[in-house]
């Protein structure tokens, strides 16, 4: 059974205090500091999967507010279970499609965006669905602070090459581009691995990473 088909996952999400519910999402832009009850920076991960990365980041950086965004209910369920085992006050979840990201965060409300091992959508006709595509970069441009950064990691070289090619036409610049993250001692300082990163790097696959800004 695929994770996205686990029976009852939507009901668990609807009852979870860790999830910002769909009914109030349209009220969220400009209010995230109120939601968290402080004025700390807001970092988001789009397509967080089971939540290993963002949970670890929130635990390590209590001075930052984190929002994990996941489309599939039964994958989000795993992140909720992790929070039930170890609750963190600076971490919230949203179940939503990333296409609607600019409807949930206000202009310049996000300090940093993380994309980790995003779906490659390998067919050319699906290019606009790729999270590092020009279409999505335009959405991120709205919600990210002017001096904010976006970090992207993947083991998929084709997707990474595509992502790098999208930067200039979309008006973004690269501070860092690495085709072998784990061989870069400087970039590996403070690096928290996702589930996929652990899996693919253990198989000897090089991990690509960029850090970009406008």
C-alpha atoms as a PDB file:
ATOM      1  CA  UNK A   1       0.000   0.000   0.000  1.00  0.00           C
ATOM      2  CA  UNK A   2       1.357   3.421  -0.936  1.00  0.00           C
ATOM      3  CA  UNK A   3       1.646   5.903   1.907  1.00  0.00           C
ATOM      4  CA  UNK A   4      -0.733   8.319   0.225  1.00  0.00           C
ATOM      5  CA  UNK A   5      -3.524   5.712   0.485  1.00  0.00           C
ATOM      6  CA  UNK A   6      -3.433   4.993   4.217  1.00  0.00           C
ATOM      7  CA  UNK A   7      -6.999   4.866   5.493  1.00  0.00           C
ATOM      8  CA  UNK A   8      -7.919   7.531   8.026  1.00  0.00           C
ATOM      9  CA  UNK A   9      -4.953   9.815   7.394  1.00  0.00           C
ATOM     10  CA  UNK A  10      -7.156  12.786   6.465  1.00  0.00           C
ATOM     11  CA  UNK A  11      -9.124  12.394   9.684  1.00  0.00           C
ATOM     12  CA  UNK A  12      -5.929  12.374  11.743  1.00  0.00           C
ATOM     13  CA  UNK A  13      -4.730  15.523   9.960  1.00  0.00           C
ATOM     14  CA  UNK A  14      -8.068  17.270  10.558  1.00  0.00           C
ATOM     15  CA  UNK A  15      -7.775  16.620  14.305  1.00  0.00           C
ATOM     16  CA  UNK A  16      -4.076  17.405  14.669  1.00  0.00           C
ATOM     17  CA  UNK A  17      -3.038  20.515  16.630  1.00  0.00           C
ATOM     18  CA  UNK A  18       0.209  20.555  14.641  1.00  0.00           C
ATOM     19  CA  UNK A  19      -1.547  21.200  11.321  1.00  0.00           C
ATOM     20  CA  UNK A  20      -2.817  24.571  10.170  1.00  0.00           C
ATOM     21  CA  UNK A  21      -6.186  23.532   8.810  1.00  0.00           C
ATOM     22  CA  UNK A  22      -7.330  24.194   5.262  1.00  0.00           C
ATOM     23  CA  UNK A  23     -10.377  26.177   6.422  1.00  0.00           C
ATOM     24  CA  UNK A  24      -8.209  28.987   7.801  1.00  0.00           C
ATOM     25  CA  UNK A  25      -5.321  28.964   5.307  1.00  0.00           C
ATOM     26  CA  UNK A  26      -6.707  31.939   3.383  1.00  0.00           C
ATOM     27  CA  UNK A  27      -6.464  33.952   6.613  1.00  0.00           C
ATOM     28  CA  UNK A  28      -2.776  33.094   7.153  1.00  0.00           C
ATOM     29  CA  UNK A  29      -0.931  35.570   4.882  1.00  0.00           C
ATOM     30  CA  UNK A  30       0.705  38.193   7.071  1.00  0.00           C
ATOM     31  CA  UNK A  31      -0.197  36.414  10.317  1.00  0.00           C
ATOM     32  CA  UNK A  32       2.470  33.734  10.747  1.00  0.00           C
ATOM     33  CA  UNK A  33       4.159  35.578  13.606  1.00  0.00           C
ATOM     34  CA  UNK A  34       0.774  35.594  15.356  1.00  0.00           C
ATOM     35  CA  UNK A  35       0.286  31.885  14.639  1.00  0.00           C
ATOM     36  CA  UNK A  36       3.630  31.091  16.274  1.00  0.00           C
ATOM     37  CA  UNK A  37       3.268  33.760  18.942  1.00  0.00           C
ATOM     38  CA  UNK A  38       6.636  35.396  18.293  1.00  0.00           C
ATOM     39  CA  UNK A  39       8.597  37.452  15.763  1.00  0.00           C
ATOM     40  CA  UNK A  40      11.141  34.804  14.821  1.00  0.00           C
ATOM     41  CA  UNK A  41      12.121  34.259  11.173  1.00  0.00           C
ATOM     42  CA  UNK A  42       9.917  31.885   9.154  1.00  0.00           C
ATOM     43  CA  UNK A  43      11.511  29.077   7.142  1.00  0.00           C
ATOM     44  CA  UNK A  44       9.446  26.700   5.017  1.00  0.00           C
ATOM     45  CA  UNK A  45      10.062  23.339   3.380  1.00  0.00           C
ATOM     46  CA  UNK A  46       7.934  22.600   0.331  1.00  0.00           C
ATOM     47  CA  UNK A  47       7.383  18.876  -0.184  1.00  0.00           C
ATOM     48  CA  UNK A  48       8.646  17.828   3.243  1.00  0.00           C
ATOM     49  CA  UNK A  49       7.774  14.135   2.924  1.00  0.00           C
ATOM     50  CA  UNK A  50       7.812  12.360   6.279  1.00  0.00           C
ATOM     51  CA  UNK A  51       9.265  15.421   7.989  1.00  0.00           C
ATOM     52  CA  UNK A  52      12.689  14.146   9.092  1.00  0.00           C
ATOM     53  CA  UNK A  53      14.574  17.181   7.780  1.00  0.00           C
ATOM     54  CA  UNK A  54      12.277  19.929   9.004  1.00  0.00           C
ATOM     55  CA  UNK A  55      11.743  18.301  12.412  1.00  0.00           C
ATOM     56  CA  UNK A  56      15.499  18.093  12.903  1.00  0.00           C
ATOM     57  CA  UNK A  57      15.940  21.699  11.763  1.00  0.00           C
ATOM     58  CA  UNK A  58      13.234  22.944  14.139  1.00  0.00           C
ATOM     59  CA  UNK A  59      14.792  21.044  17.029  1.00  0.00           C
ATOM     60  CA  UNK A  60      18.255  22.398  16.285  1.00  0.00           C
ATOM     61  CA  UNK A  61      17.077  25.988  15.725  1.00  0.00           C
ATOM     62  CA  UNK A  62      14.391  26.949  18.281  1.00  0.00           C
ATOM     63  CA  UNK A  63      14.954  30.595  17.355  1.00  0.00           C
ATOM     64  CA  UNK A  64      13.370  29.975  13.924  1.00  0.00           C
ATOM     65  CA  UNK A  65       9.763  29.117  13.067  1.00  0.00           C
ATOM     66  CA  UNK A  66       9.340  26.290  10.554  1.00  0.00           C
ATOM     67  CA  UNK A  67       6.405  25.355   8.332  1.00  0.00           C
ATOM     68  CA  UNK A  68       6.401  22.011   6.542  1.00  0.00           C
ATOM     69  CA  UNK A  69       4.228  21.700   3.446  1.00  0.00           C
ATOM     70  CA  UNK A  70       3.163  18.338   2.056  1.00  0.00           C
ATOM     71  CA  UNK A  71       0.587  17.433  -0.586  1.00  0.00           C
ATOM     72  CA  UNK A  72      -0.087  13.818   0.346  1.00  0.00           C
ATOM     73  CA  UNK A  73      -2.088  13.112   3.488  1.00  0.00           C
ATOM     74  CA  UNK A  74      -0.562   9.765   4.317  1.00  0.00           C
ATOM     75  CA  UNK A  75       2.969  11.117   4.022  1.00  0.00           C
ATOM     76  CA  UNK A  76       2.088  14.064   6.253  1.00  0.00           C
ATOM     77  CA  UNK A  77       0.718  11.531   8.723  1.00  0.00           C
ATOM     78  CA  UNK A  78       4.279  10.307   9.352  1.00  0.00           C
ATOM     79  CA  UNK A  79       5.420  13.835  10.208  1.00  0.00           C
ATOM     80  CA  UNK A  80       2.513  14.213  12.624  1.00  0.00           C
ATOM     81  CA  UNK A  81       3.476  10.949  14.316  1.00  0.00           C
ATOM     82  CA  UNK A  82       7.023  12.255  14.714  1.00  0.00           C
ATOM     83  CA  UNK A  83       5.661  15.407  16.358  1.00  0.00           C
ATOM     84  CA  UNK A  84       3.508  13.329  18.719  1.00  0.00           C
ATOM     85  CA  UNK A  85       6.691  11.577  19.840  1.00  0.00           C
ATOM     86  CA  UNK A  86       8.663  14.822  20.184  1.00  0.00           C
ATOM     87  CA  UNK A  87       6.587  17.998  20.144  1.00  0.00           C
ATOM     88  CA  UNK A  88       8.263  21.212  18.978  1.00  0.00           C
ATOM     89  CA  UNK A  89       6.585  24.604  19.478  1.00  0.00           C
ATOM     90  CA  UNK A  90       8.312  26.175  16.461  1.00  0.00           C
ATOM     91  CA  UNK A  91       7.024  23.715  13.849  1.00  0.00           C
ATOM     92  CA  UNK A  92       3.692  23.658  11.996  1.00  0.00           C
ATOM     93  CA  UNK A  93       2.424  21.627   9.058  1.00  0.00           C
ATOM     94  CA  UNK A  94       0.171  22.347   6.088  1.00  0.00           C
ATOM     95  CA  UNK A  95      -1.426  19.861   3.710  1.00  0.00           C
ATOM     96  CA  UNK A  96      -1.687  21.634   0.378  1.00  0.00           C
ATOM     97  CA  UNK A  97      -0.538  21.764  -3.218  1.00  0.00           C
ATOM     98  CA  UNK A  98       2.534  23.937  -3.632  1.00  0.00           C
ATOM     99  CA  UNK A  99       0.889  25.783  -6.521  1.00  0.00           C
ATOM    100  CA  UNK A 100      -1.128  27.703  -3.915  1.00  0.00           C
ATOM    101  CA  UNK A 101       1.872  28.764  -1.840  1.00  0.00           C
ATOM    102  CA  UNK A 102       1.398  32.496  -2.504  1.00  0.00           C
ATOM    103  CA  UNK A 103      -2.125  32.265  -1.076  1.00  0.00           C
ATOM    104  CA  UNK A 104      -0.829  31.107   2.309  1.00  0.00           C
ATOM    105  CA  UNK A 105       2.137  33.416   2.935  1.00  0.00           C
ATOM    106  CA  UNK A 106       2.175  37.186   2.558  1.00  0.00           C
ATOM    107  CA  UNK A 107       4.570  39.190   0.419  1.00  0.00           C
ATOM    108  CA  UNK A 108       8.076  38.880   1.842  1.00  0.00           C
ATOM    109  CA  UNK A 109       6.856  36.902   4.859  1.00  0.00           C
ATOM    110  CA  UNK A 110       9.238  33.946   4.433  1.00  0.00           C
ATOM    111  CA  UNK A 111      12.942  34.202   5.268  1.00  0.00           C
ATOM    112  CA  UNK A 112      14.119  30.957   3.676  1.00  0.00           C
ATOM    113  CA  UNK A 113      12.706  28.194   1.462  1.00  0.00           C
ATOM    114  CA  UNK A 114      13.908  24.595   1.333  1.00  0.00           C
ATOM    115  CA  UNK A 115      13.276  22.166  -1.533  1.00  0.00           C
ATOM    116  CA  UNK A 116      14.585  18.665  -0.854  1.00  0.00           C
ATOM    117  CA  UNK A 117      14.507  15.783  -3.333  1.00  0.00           C
ATOM    118  CA  UNK A 118      11.481  17.141  -5.142  1.00  0.00           C
ATOM    119  CA  UNK A 119       9.462  15.073  -7.608  1.00  0.00           C
ATOM    120  CA  UNK A 120      11.411  15.309 -10.908  1.00  0.00           C
ATOM    121  CA  UNK A 121       8.329  15.195 -13.162  1.00  0.00           C
ATOM    122  CA  UNK A 122      10.558  13.770 -15.938  1.00  0.00           C
ATOM    123  CA  UNK A 123       8.226  14.309 -18.908  1.00  0.00           C
ATOM    124  CA  UNK A 124       8.800  17.597 -20.716  1.00  0.00           C
ATOM    125  CA  UNK A 125       5.115  18.477 -20.714  1.00  0.00           C
ATOM    126  CA  UNK A 126       5.178  18.429 -16.901  1.00  0.00           C
ATOM    127  CA  UNK A 127       8.165  20.790 -16.549  1.00  0.00           C
ATOM    128  CA  UNK A 128       6.069  23.578 -15.039  1.00  0.00           C
ATOM    129  CA  UNK A 129       5.128  21.255 -12.162  1.00  0.00           C
ATOM    130  CA  UNK A 130       8.739  20.898 -11.032  1.00  0.00           C
ATOM    131  CA  UNK A 131       9.282  22.824  -7.816  1.00  0.00           C
ATOM    132  CA  UNK A 132      12.489  24.534  -9.045  1.00  0.00           C
ATOM    133  CA  UNK A 133      10.853  25.575 -12.344  1.00  0.00           C
ATOM    134  CA  UNK A 134      10.545  29.172 -13.465  1.00  0.00           C
ATOM    135  CA  UNK A 135       6.816  29.052 -12.734  1.00  0.00           C
ATOM    136  CA  UNK A 136       7.454  28.144  -9.110  1.00  0.00           C
ATOM    137  CA  UNK A 137      10.375  30.545  -8.783  1.00  0.00           C
ATOM    138  CA  UNK A 138       7.898  33.310  -9.629  1.00  0.00           C
ATOM    139  CA  UNK A 139       5.690  32.169  -6.748  1.00  0.00           C
ATOM    140  CA  UNK A 140       8.642  32.038  -4.356  1.00  0.00           C
ATOM    141  CA  UNK A 141       9.644  35.547  -5.439  1.00  0.00           C
ATOM    142  CA  UNK A 142       6.399  36.854  -3.963  1.00  0.00           C
ATOM    143  CA  UNK A 143       6.639  35.269  -0.513  1.00  0.00           C
ATOM    144  CA  UNK A 144      10.411  35.356   0.053  1.00  0.00           C
ATOM    145  CA  UNK A 145      12.034  38.372   1.669  1.00  0.00           C
ATOM    146  CA  UNK A 146      14.188  40.441  -0.664  1.00  0.00           C
ATOM    147  CA  UNK A 147      17.340  39.253   1.089  1.00  0.00           C
ATOM    148  CA  UNK A 148      16.048  35.687   1.502  1.00  0.00           C
ATOM    149  CA  UNK A 149      17.543  32.475   0.137  1.00  0.00           C
ATOM    150  CA  UNK A 150      16.249  29.257  -1.366  1.00  0.00           C
ATOM    151  CA  UNK A 151      18.127  25.969  -0.925  1.00  0.00           C
ATOM    152  CA  UNK A 152      17.551  22.961  -3.172  1.00  0.00           C
ATOM    153  CA  UNK A 153      18.990  19.443  -2.844  1.00  0.00           C
ATOM    154  CA  UNK A 154      18.524  16.442  -5.140  1.00  0.00           C
ATOM    155  CA  UNK A 155      20.315  13.350  -6.402  1.00  0.00           C
ATOM    156  CA  UNK A 156      18.606  13.720  -9.806  1.00  0.00           C
ATOM    157  CA  UNK A 157      21.202  15.317 -12.087  1.00  0.00           C
ATOM    158  CA  UNK A 158      18.724  15.944 -14.915  1.00  0.00           C
ATOM    159  CA  UNK A 159      16.400  17.810 -12.552  1.00  0.00           C
ATOM    160  CA  UNK A 160      19.300  19.770 -11.095  1.00  0.00           C
ATOM    161  CA  UNK A 161      20.592  20.782 -14.528  1.00  0.00           C
ATOM    162  CA  UNK A 162      17.069  21.909 -15.396  1.00  0.00           C
ATOM    163  CA  UNK A 163      16.853  23.889 -12.144  1.00  0.00           C
ATOM    164  CA  UNK A 164      20.155  25.674 -12.795  1.00  0.00           C
ATOM    165  CA  UNK A 165      19.059  26.583 -16.334  1.00  0.00           C
ATOM    166  CA  UNK A 166      15.839  28.104 -14.980  1.00  0.00           C
ATOM    167  CA  UNK A 167      17.619  30.609 -12.726  1.00  0.00           C
ATOM    168  CA  UNK A 168      18.767  33.334 -15.107  1.00  0.00           C
ATOM    169  CA  UNK A 169      15.516  33.614 -17.116  1.00  0.00           C
ATOM    170  CA  UNK A 170      13.590  33.840 -13.816  1.00  0.00           C
ATOM    171  CA  UNK A 171      15.846  36.583 -12.432  1.00  0.00           C
ATOM    172  CA  UNK A 172      17.571  34.490  -9.743  1.00  0.00           C
ATOM    173  CA  UNK A 173      21.283  34.183  -8.991  1.00  0.00           C
ATOM    174  CA  UNK A 174      23.288  31.347  -7.460  1.00  0.00           C
ATOM    175  CA  UNK A 175      25.405  31.879  -4.382  1.00  0.00           C
ATOM    176  CA  UNK A 176      26.429  28.220  -4.373  1.00  0.00           C
ATOM    177  CA  UNK A 177      26.166  25.419  -6.933  1.00  0.00           C
ATOM    178  CA  UNK A 178      27.550  22.015  -5.961  1.00  0.00           C
ATOM    179  CA  UNK A 179      27.366  18.766  -7.896  1.00  0.00           C
ATOM    180  CA  UNK A 180      28.728  16.743  -4.987  1.00  0.00           C
ATOM    181  CA  UNK A 181      27.514  18.205  -1.708  1.00  0.00           C
ATOM    182  CA  UNK A 182      29.004  15.507   0.509  1.00  0.00           C
ATOM    183  CA  UNK A 183      32.482  16.141  -0.888  1.00  0.00           C
ATOM    184  CA  UNK A 184      32.296  19.826   0.083  1.00  0.00           C
ATOM    185  CA  UNK A 185      33.436  20.216   3.694  1.00  0.00           C
ATOM    186  CA  UNK A 186      32.215  23.801   3.938  1.00  0.00           C
ATOM    187  CA  UNK A 187      28.702  23.037   2.649  1.00  0.00           C
ATOM    188  CA  UNK A 188      28.431  19.955   4.850  1.00  0.00           C
ATOM    189  CA  UNK A 189      28.782  22.013   8.025  1.00  0.00           C
ATOM    190  CA  UNK A 190      25.347  21.841   9.650  1.00  0.00           C
ATOM    191  CA  UNK A 191      23.908  19.758   6.813  1.00  0.00           C
ATOM    192  CA  UNK A 192      20.867  17.764   7.924  1.00  0.00           C
ATOM    193  CA  UNK A 193      20.053  14.834   5.697  1.00  0.00           C
ATOM    194  CA  UNK A 194      16.579  13.886   4.531  1.00  0.00           C
ATOM    195  CA  UNK A 195      15.420  10.277   4.281  1.00  0.00           C
ATOM    196  CA  UNK A 196      16.180  10.287   0.555  1.00  0.00           C
ATOM    197  CA  UNK A 197      19.565  11.896   1.064  1.00  0.00           C
ATOM    198  CA  UNK A 198      20.598   9.152   3.477  1.00  0.00           C
ATOM    199  CA  UNK A 199      19.351   6.484   1.077  1.00  0.00           C
ATOM    200  CA  UNK A 200      20.880   7.814  -2.126  1.00  0.00           C
ATOM    201  CA  UNK A 201      24.186   8.953  -0.646  1.00  0.00           C
ATOM    202  CA  UNK A 202      24.633   5.494   0.938  1.00  0.00           C
ATOM    203  CA  UNK A 203      24.274   4.078  -2.579  1.00  0.00           C
ATOM    204  CA  UNK A 204      27.101   6.317  -3.753  1.00  0.00           C
ATOM    205  CA  UNK A 205      24.904   8.793  -5.602  1.00  0.00           C
ATOM    206  CA  UNK A 206      26.314  12.348  -5.553  1.00  0.00           C
ATOM    207  CA  UNK A 207      23.953  14.912  -4.040  1.00  0.00           C
ATOM    208  CA  UNK A 208      23.544  18.222  -5.865  1.00  0.00           C
ATOM    209  CA  UNK A 209      22.748  21.450  -4.065  1.00  0.00           C
ATOM    210  CA  UNK A 210      22.283  25.105  -4.855  1.00  0.00           C
ATOM    211  CA  UNK A 211      21.631  28.174  -2.737  1.00  0.00           C
ATOM    212  CA  UNK A 212      19.967  30.979  -4.701  1.00  0.00           C
ATOM    213  CA  UNK A 213      18.727  34.540  -4.232  1.00  0.00           C
ATOM    214  CA  UNK A 214      17.364  37.396  -6.344  1.00  0.00           C
END
